[in-house]
């Protein structure tokens, strides 16, 4: 068992460290100051010296004295659960808050005041004796000591919050059982049965990962969002299964259609389960009040489900899919299951996969799953799939995710230095792939590209910077080819190679991954480099998404568009994602590439540049060769690039021509060797000539070497 625990902790730490590597986690200095102020004002040493009346005024917001309750409201730290109210449970099981105190008689107030003072004094004694908590067992001991001293008051959220403010690294920032379990389940740790044991698990995990509780809070919210509720939803009725229809139409539905729209049973802000139960008895379960009551609860749970609810589609005991991004309820009287909600389905389970406690919720239509082993299992399956897809997780946190076709808040680009879509094109060897590094870095740094020649040291430093950005995912490089498709680029279904049985899972391609990342971080520019963009089948690769590349269709611009992918996922391209393509014009002229692509990209010519060749002899060969090619081929797309001649000497001509340039000339002239020989007139003033003794294709050799062979010397 201990080995299993250690494995859980290691995996949880890896999740935290991975997030830290990919994203910045800000540490706010003002929060640190808040903690110091609180510890000075409301320390246990301070409270233990107070009279009963002063203690009461220092805890509850009654009287003029500075108190904990008001101080917390004015100094909220981080994105946390709701602010807990200060309450006290008396010996008579009365829950006391400041409103109750204001209504008390003088006698009642004296009794409660004395009770609170005795309870707190006992609690403070435990706190003052507390040693550093280093293990879950230490937290168990502390939990039991507080229970003996304070009873149920030790477990109120507000008292746990007090301990967090005094010892921020030893007590978690989450104070309720629901929140503590949510965080632990999501990280893959079985929650402890003790209240302070769970708080300790969270605190120990933060310490193990070497992050502050504030950072841990930020990381956890970003990845897991609000507390989740998992609901089992049955997909079949009387032998007929409806999940295929639900998946195709992106809905979830339940029956009892004769009830009519559930909105009519709403009283105030809540669905009246009593009215619903009575109607169910009348229409479906006459004389069976208990069954009608259970079904009313199922309908109410379905109606009240929100975007923090996760649906678990099940056919009997078999797990089928997760459903999230739950939308608003609607009623469709023309279908069998009339009560409906929009939803996004994620089919990630293997065939025949079941819950650990497979009997929970059987023979129900909509049932909240609460068994801890089942919840642990579902949390792991759900969040592991989210991590695999590398998608932003939640629409209800600061992490943005496109979940509908509504407008997304984002600023338009102002005075852009670079086009969102551009293609660097030119003949072979003009430095397109070389230059794309500078273009990408210029976009990231929001400056103009500098295409001037670099020293070797400058290039090394630039490549180091480029590689770091590739590692963080801010720049992505890919190459198109004939077999490259939509599945690799946008999204597709791939086999799950780690599964024991044959199964398939939805997998995001590089375009969707970087689009999602750019959407998450509007303050940064992102770059997708597509080498040899013209070699791919553009219609096959981009599909319907080619329209989203247009500048005014990007998220943040006036005509922003959001589309649904075949999987049902919503998708858009933000205005801080830049596409840079490279195109070898010798392969294909700009005039005949895909029209839809050509309309949406700006083209930047990368011509052969003689001034980049330092060696005068090589520069002369380069200019003569290209003059001949331009005259003979009547096309600038089929010239020879300067990169073949850069950082070379005359002695490199043999290798350069035989290995790089002659193969291109054979391709350009369709094996017409006479024209190739004429092209090699550019070597006339060099030490090289055509090797007339070569068998096969034309090659060149040094003049001295060929004459030695002819004379036998």
Foldseek 3Di string as FASTA:
>chain_A
DVVVQVVLLVLLLVLLVVVVLQDPQDDDPVLVVLLVVCCVPPPLVVLLPDDLVVNVVQDAVDDDDPHDQVSCVVRPAADADDDFFDWAQDPVRDIDHPVNLVPDDPVVNVVVSVRVSQLSNQQSVLVVPQDDQQALVSLVVSLVSNCVRHNCSCLGQNNLCSVCSNVVLQFAPYRDPQVLLQLQLLSLHQADPGSSSSRRVLSNSCVVSPHGNSSVRVSSCQQRNDRAWEKEAEQDDPPDGCVVVCQQVQKGFAAPQVVPDQVVQDDDHARDLVVQLVVCCVPPNPPPSVVSSVQSVQVRCVQPDAQRYWYFYDHFFWTFWIKGPWAHWDADNVDRRGIMIGTATFGDDDPPDGFPPSVPPGPHRMGTDDDSSRSSVVSCSVSVLCVQQLFRDDCPGLQHFDDDWDADDDAADDPQPDAQFAEEEAAPALCRVVQVLQVQVCLQVRHHGDPDDDDPVVSVVSVVVSVSCVVSQLEAEEEAAAVDFQCQAAKDKDWDPPDPDTDIGIHGHSNQNSQRVCSRPVVGAGEYEYEAVQNYPVCGHCPPNLVLLASQCARNHDNHGWDADSSRGIGHGHNRYGYYYYHQLVVDPLVPGDPSSSVRYHYDYSAADLVQAPEPLLSQLQVLLQVLCCVVVVDRSLHHHCNLRHPDDLVCVQVSCVPPPVVSVCVSVVNPVVSVQVSVCSCVPPQKHWQPPDPDDIGMDGVVVSVCVVVVD
